[in-house]
């Protein structure tokens, strides 16, 4: 245990807390360097998870965009069908907006 404390002191992750230390026992406090290390680890973990999630969401966006394009092609053939497809198209567009909002949230969390 003492070897571990020594390593943490040498790496500047801990420092002796002079106010709480006594002649017989030392008290330690964390340094900003340790907090940076924690933040870096958290960011790396979130980046891995978010990158996987973004790939999944991008696939969902492409599927929905493909559906919208299909609806548009149907409407090019017959404009009278628009009233049947308008709600589906709007739902797909809203779904895409929501997915993009989630991607933006992930980007904001990382920054």
N, C-alpha and C. Protein backbone atom coordinates (compact mmCIF):
# COMPACT_ATOMS: atom_id res chain seq x y z
N UNK A 1 0.82 -1.18 0.00
CA UNK A 1 0.00 0.00 0.00
C UNK A 1 0.88 1.26 0.00
N UNK A 2 1.92 1.22 0.79
CA UNK A 2 2.78 2.40 0.86
C UNK A 2 3.53 2.62 -0.45
N UNK A 3 3.84 1.53 -1.12
CA UNK A 3 4.49 1.64 -2.42
C UNK A 3 3.55 2.32 -3.41
N UNK A 4 2.29 1.96 -3.35
CA UNK A 4 1.29 2.58 -4.22
C UNK A 4 1.16 4.07 -3.96
N UNK A 5 1.15 4.43 -2.68
CA UNK A 5 1.08 5.86 -2.33
C UNK A 5 2.32 6.59 -2.84
N UNK A 6 3.47 5.93 -2.73
CA UNK A 6 4.72 6.55 -3.20
C UNK A 6 4.66 6.80 -4.70
N UNK A 7 4.16 5.82 -5.44
CA UNK A 7 4.04 5.96 -6.90
C UNK A 7 3.09 7.10 -7.24
N UNK A 8 1.95 7.17 -6.55
CA UNK A 8 0.98 8.24 -6.80
C UNK A 8 1.57 9.62 -6.47
N UNK A 9 2.39 9.68 -5.45
CA UNK A 9 3.07 10.93 -5.11
C UNK A 9 4.08 11.31 -6.19
N UNK A 10 4.87 10.33 -6.64
CA UNK A 10 5.89 10.60 -7.66
C UNK A 10 5.26 11.02 -8.99
N UNK A 11 4.11 10.47 -9.29
CA UNK A 11 3.42 10.81 -10.54
C UNK A 11 2.59 12.09 -10.40
N UNK A 12 2.61 12.67 -9.23
CA UNK A 12 1.92 13.94 -8.95
C UNK A 12 0.39 13.80 -9.02
N UNK A 13 -0.12 12.59 -8.66
CA UNK A 13 -1.56 12.41 -8.57
C UNK A 13 -2.06 12.70 -7.15
N UNK A 14 -1.16 12.55 -6.17
CA UNK A 14 -1.46 12.88 -4.78
C UNK A 14 -0.36 13.79 -4.25
N UNK A 15 -0.73 14.53 -3.21
CA UNK A 15 0.27 15.34 -2.51
C UNK A 15 -0.04 15.27 -1.01
N UNK A 16 0.97 15.49 -0.21
CA UNK A 16 0.79 15.45 1.23
C UNK A 16 -0.02 16.68 1.65
N UNK A 17 -1.02 16.42 2.47
CA UNK A 17 -1.85 17.50 3.01
C UNK A 17 -1.22 17.93 4.34
N UNK A 18 -0.48 19.02 4.30
CA UNK A 18 0.25 19.48 5.48
C UNK A 18 -0.68 19.85 6.63
N UNK A 19 -1.86 20.33 6.33
CA UNK A 19 -2.79 20.76 7.37
C UNK A 19 -3.35 19.59 8.17
N UNK A 20 -3.56 18.46 7.54
CA UNK A 20 -4.15 17.31 8.21
C UNK A 20 -3.13 16.27 8.65
N UNK A 21 -1.90 16.39 8.18
CA UNK A 21 -0.87 15.42 8.54
C UNK A 21 -0.33 15.71 9.94
N UNK A 22 0.10 14.65 10.57
CA UNK A 22 0.74 14.78 11.89
C UNK A 22 2.13 14.17 11.82
N UNK A 23 2.84 14.16 12.95
CA UNK A 23 4.19 13.58 12.97
C UNK A 23 4.15 12.07 12.76
N UNK A 24 3.05 11.45 13.16
CA UNK A 24 2.97 9.99 13.09
C UNK A 24 2.19 9.47 11.88
N UNK A 25 1.39 10.31 11.26
CA UNK A 25 0.63 9.84 10.09
C UNK A 25 0.50 10.95 9.06
N UNK A 26 0.53 10.52 7.82
CA UNK A 26 0.41 11.47 6.73
C UNK A 26 -1.01 11.41 6.17
N UNK A 27 -1.49 12.56 5.76
CA UNK A 27 -2.76 12.65 5.07
C UNK A 27 -2.47 13.17 3.66
N UNK A 28 -3.21 12.66 2.71
CA UNK A 28 -2.95 13.02 1.32
C UNK A 28 -4.18 13.68 0.72
N UNK A 29 -3.94 14.48 -0.30
CA UNK A 29 -5.05 15.08 -1.05
C UNK A 29 -4.77 14.91 -2.54
N UNK A 30 -5.87 14.86 -3.28
CA UNK A 30 -5.77 14.68 -4.73
C UNK A 30 -5.30 15.97 -5.38
N UNK A 31 -4.62 15.82 -6.51
CA UNK A 31 -4.16 16.98 -7.27
C UNK A 31 -5.05 17.17 -8.49
N UNK A 32 -4.99 18.33 -9.10
CA UNK A 32 -5.75 18.53 -10.34
C UNK A 32 -5.36 17.53 -11.43
N UNK A 33 -4.12 17.07 -11.39
CA UNK A 33 -3.65 16.08 -12.37
C UNK A 33 -4.47 14.78 -12.28
N UNK A 34 -4.82 14.37 -11.07
CA UNK A 34 -5.64 13.17 -10.89
C UNK A 34 -7.04 13.37 -11.46
N UNK A 35 -7.60 14.55 -11.25
CA UNK A 35 -8.92 14.84 -11.82
C UNK A 35 -8.87 14.85 -13.35
N UNK A 36 -7.77 15.36 -13.91
CA UNK A 36 -7.61 15.33 -15.37
C UNK A 36 -7.56 13.90 -15.88
N UNK A 37 -6.86 13.04 -15.14
CA UNK A 37 -6.79 11.63 -15.52
C UNK A 37 -8.17 10.98 -15.49
N UNK A 38 -8.95 11.27 -14.45
CA UNK A 38 -10.32 10.74 -14.37
C UNK A 38 -11.17 11.24 -15.53
N UNK A 39 -11.08 12.54 -15.80
CA UNK A 39 -11.86 13.12 -16.90
C UNK A 39 -11.47 12.50 -18.23
N UNK A 40 -10.18 12.28 -18.42
CA UNK A 40 -9.70 11.69 -19.67
C UNK A 40 -10.24 10.27 -19.83
N UNK A 41 -10.22 9.50 -18.74
CA UNK A 41 -10.74 8.13 -18.78
C UNK A 41 -12.24 8.13 -19.08
N UNK A 42 -12.98 9.03 -18.43
CA UNK A 42 -14.42 9.13 -18.66
C UNK A 42 -14.71 9.50 -20.11
N UNK A 43 -13.96 10.46 -20.64
CA UNK A 43 -14.17 10.90 -22.01
C UNK A 43 -13.88 9.77 -23.00
N UNK A 44 -12.81 9.02 -22.76
CA UNK A 44 -12.49 7.90 -23.66
C UNK A 44 -13.58 6.84 -23.64
N UNK A 45 -14.10 6.55 -22.46
CA UNK A 45 -15.17 5.55 -22.34
C UNK A 45 -16.43 6.03 -23.05
N UNK A 46 -16.78 7.30 -22.84
CA UNK A 46 -17.96 7.85 -23.50
C UNK A 46 -17.78 7.91 -25.01
N UNK A 47 -16.58 8.26 -25.48
CA UNK A 47 -16.33 8.33 -26.92
C UNK A 47 -16.55 6.98 -27.58
N UNK A 48 -16.03 5.92 -26.96
CA UNK A 48 -16.22 4.57 -27.53
C UNK A 48 -17.69 4.23 -27.61
N UNK A 49 -18.42 4.48 -26.53
CA UNK A 49 -19.85 4.16 -26.49
C UNK A 49 -20.63 5.02 -27.48
N UNK A 50 -20.35 6.32 -27.49
CA UNK A 50 -21.07 7.24 -28.37
C UNK A 50 -20.78 6.95 -29.84
N UNK A 51 -19.55 6.58 -30.17
CA UNK A 51 -19.23 6.28 -31.57
C UNK A 51 -20.03 5.08 -32.06
N UNK A 52 -20.17 4.08 -31.21
CA UNK A 52 -20.99 2.92 -31.57
C UNK A 52 -22.44 3.33 -31.76
N UNK A 53 -22.93 4.15 -30.83
CA UNK A 53 -24.32 4.59 -30.90
C UNK A 53 -24.56 5.47 -32.13
N UNK A 54 -23.59 6.33 -32.45
CA UNK A 54 -23.74 7.20 -33.62
C UNK A 54 -23.82 6.38 -34.90
N UNK A 55 -23.03 5.32 -35.00
CA UNK A 55 -23.11 4.46 -36.18
C UNK A 55 -24.50 3.84 -36.31
N UNK A 56 -25.03 3.39 -35.18
CA UNK A 56 -26.38 2.81 -35.19
C UNK A 56 -27.41 3.86 -35.61
N UNK A 57 -27.31 5.05 -35.03
CA UNK A 57 -28.27 6.11 -35.36
C UNK A 57 -28.13 6.56 -36.80
N UNK A 58 -26.92 6.61 -37.32
CA UNK A 58 -26.72 6.98 -38.72
C UNK A 58 -27.39 5.99 -39.66
N UNK A 59 -27.33 4.72 -39.30
CA UNK A 59 -28.02 3.70 -40.09
C UNK A 59 -29.52 3.90 -40.07
N UNK A 60 -30.05 4.27 -38.91
CA UNK A 60 -31.49 4.52 -38.82
C UNK A 60 -31.89 5.74 -39.64
N UNK A 61 -31.03 6.77 -39.63
CA UNK A 61 -31.31 7.97 -40.44
C UNK A 61 -31.33 7.60 -41.92
N UNK A 62 -30.37 6.81 -42.36
CA UNK A 62 -30.32 6.42 -43.78
C UNK A 62 -31.56 5.64 -44.17
N UNK A 63 -32.01 4.75 -43.29
CA UNK A 63 -33.24 4.00 -43.58
C UNK A 63 -34.44 4.92 -43.73
N UNK A 64 -34.55 5.87 -42.84
CA UNK A 64 -35.69 6.80 -42.88
C UNK A 64 -35.60 7.73 -44.10
N UNK A 65 -34.40 8.16 -44.43
CA UNK A 65 -34.22 8.98 -45.64
C UNK A 65 -34.56 8.17 -46.88
N UNK A 66 -34.22 6.91 -46.88
CA UNK A 66 -34.57 6.04 -48.00
C UNK A 66 -36.08 5.91 -48.12
N UNK A 67 -36.77 5.80 -46.99
CA UNK A 67 -38.24 5.73 -47.01
C UNK A 67 -38.85 7.02 -47.55
N UNK A 68 -38.29 8.15 -47.14
CA UNK A 68 -38.78 9.45 -47.63
C UNK A 68 -38.58 9.55 -49.14
N UNK A 69 -37.42 9.14 -49.61
CA UNK A 69 -37.16 9.16 -51.06
C UNK A 69 -38.12 8.25 -51.81
N UNK A 70 -38.44 7.12 -51.22
CA UNK A 70 -39.39 6.21 -51.85
C UNK A 70 -40.78 6.86 -51.94
N UNK A 71 -41.19 7.51 -50.85
CA UNK A 71 -42.48 8.21 -50.87
C UNK A 71 -42.48 9.30 -51.93
N UNK A 72 -41.39 10.05 -52.03
CA UNK A 72 -41.29 11.09 -53.05
C UNK A 72 -41.39 10.50 -54.46
N UNK A 73 -40.77 9.36 -54.66
CA UNK A 73 -40.85 8.75 -56.00
C UNK A 73 -42.27 8.28 -56.30
N UNK A 74 -42.97 7.81 -55.28
CA UNK A 74 -44.37 7.42 -55.49
C UNK A 74 -45.22 8.63 -55.85
N UNK A 75 -44.94 9.75 -55.19
CA UNK A 75 -45.70 10.97 -55.45
C UNK A 75 -45.39 11.55 -56.82
N UNK A 76 -44.19 11.32 -57.31
CA UNK A 76 -43.86 11.78 -58.67
C UNK A 76 -44.72 11.05 -59.70
N UNK A 77 -45.02 9.81 -59.38
CA UNK A 77 -45.85 9.02 -60.30
C UNK A 77 -47.32 9.44 -60.24
N UNK A 78 -47.79 9.81 -59.04
CA UNK A 78 -49.20 10.17 -58.89
C UNK A 78 -49.36 11.14 -57.71
N UNK A 79 -49.52 12.42 -58.00
CA UNK A 79 -49.64 13.45 -56.96
C UNK A 79 -50.90 13.30 -56.12
N UNK A 80 -51.89 12.62 -56.62
CA UNK A 80 -53.14 12.48 -55.86
C UNK A 80 -52.96 11.59 -54.62
N UNK A 81 -51.86 10.87 -54.56
CA UNK A 81 -51.60 9.99 -53.41
C UNK A 81 -51.00 10.74 -52.22
N UNK A 82 -50.72 12.02 -52.41
CA UNK A 82 -50.02 12.78 -51.37
C UNK A 82 -50.75 12.75 -50.04
N UNK A 83 -52.06 12.85 -50.05
CA UNK A 83 -52.82 12.87 -48.79
C UNK A 83 -52.65 11.57 -48.01
N UNK A 84 -52.32 10.47 -48.68
CA UNK A 84 -52.14 9.19 -48.00
C UNK A 84 -50.75 9.06 -47.37
N UNK A 85 -49.79 9.78 -47.93
CA UNK A 85 -48.41 9.63 -47.49
C UNK A 85 -47.88 10.80 -46.66
N UNK A 86 -48.60 11.88 -46.61
CA UNK A 86 -48.08 13.08 -45.95
C UNK A 86 -47.77 12.83 -44.47
N UNK A 87 -48.65 12.14 -43.78
CA UNK A 87 -48.42 11.89 -42.34
C UNK A 87 -47.21 10.96 -42.13
N UNK A 88 -47.05 9.98 -43.00
CA UNK A 88 -45.90 9.08 -42.91
C UNK A 88 -44.60 9.84 -43.15
N UNK A 89 -44.63 10.69 -44.15
CA UNK A 89 -43.44 11.48 -44.49
C UNK A 89 -43.07 12.41 -43.34
N UNK A 90 -44.07 13.08 -42.76
CA UNK A 90 -43.81 13.99 -41.65
C UNK A 90 -43.26 13.24 -40.43
N UNK A 91 -43.80 12.05 -40.17
CA UNK A 91 -43.31 11.25 -39.05
C UNK A 91 -41.85 10.86 -39.28
N UNK A 92 -41.52 10.46 -40.49
CA UNK A 92 -40.14 10.10 -40.80
C UNK A 92 -39.21 11.30 -40.64
N UNK A 93 -39.65 12.46 -41.09
CA UNK A 93 -38.84 13.67 -40.96
C UNK A 93 -38.64 14.05 -39.49
N UNK A 94 -39.69 13.90 -38.68
CA UNK A 94 -39.57 14.17 -37.24
C UNK A 94 -38.64 13.18 -36.56
N UNK A 95 -38.72 11.92 -36.98
CA UNK A 95 -37.82 10.91 -36.43
C UNK A 95 -36.36 11.27 -36.73
N UNK A 96 -36.10 11.72 -37.93
CA UNK A 96 -34.74 12.11 -38.32
C UNK A 96 -34.27 13.29 -37.47
N UNK A 97 -35.15 14.27 -37.26
CA UNK A 97 -34.80 15.42 -36.42
C UNK A 97 -34.46 14.98 -35.00
N UNK A 98 -35.25 14.06 -34.45
CA UNK A 98 -35.01 13.56 -33.10
C UNK A 98 -33.69 12.81 -33.01
N UNK A 99 -33.41 12.00 -34.00
CA UNK A 99 -32.14 11.26 -34.01
C UNK A 99 -30.97 12.23 -34.10
N UNK A 100 -31.08 13.24 -34.96
CA UNK A 100 -30.01 14.24 -35.07
C UNK A 100 -29.84 15.01 -33.76
N UNK A 101 -30.94 15.24 -33.07
CA UNK A 101 -30.88 15.90 -31.77
C UNK A 101 -30.11 15.05 -30.76
N UNK A 102 -30.32 13.74 -30.80
CA UNK A 102 -29.59 12.84 -29.90
C UNK A 102 -28.10 12.82 -30.23
N UNK A 103 -27.77 12.85 -31.50
CA UNK A 103 -26.36 12.88 -31.90
C UNK A 103 -25.71 14.19 -31.43
N UNK A 104 -26.44 15.28 -31.56
CA UNK A 104 -25.93 16.57 -31.11
C UNK A 104 -25.72 16.57 -29.59
N UNK A 105 -26.62 15.97 -28.87
CA UNK A 105 -26.49 15.87 -27.41
C UNK A 105 -25.21 15.11 -27.04
N UNK A 106 -24.96 14.00 -27.71
CA UNK A 106 -23.74 13.24 -27.44
C UNK A 106 -22.49 14.08 -27.71
N UNK A 107 -22.51 14.84 -28.80
CA UNK A 107 -21.38 15.72 -29.11
C UNK A 107 -21.20 16.79 -28.04
N UNK A 108 -22.31 17.35 -27.55
CA UNK A 108 -22.24 18.37 -26.50
C UNK A 108 -21.70 17.80 -25.19
N UNK A 109 -22.07 16.58 -24.88
CA UNK A 109 -21.60 15.95 -23.65
C UNK A 109 -20.08 15.78 -23.70
N UNK A 110 -19.57 15.43 -24.86
CA UNK A 110 -18.12 15.22 -24.99
C UNK A 110 -17.34 16.52 -24.96
N UNK A 111 -17.98 17.62 -25.31
CA UNK A 111 -17.26 18.90 -25.34
C UNK A 111 -17.54 19.75 -24.15
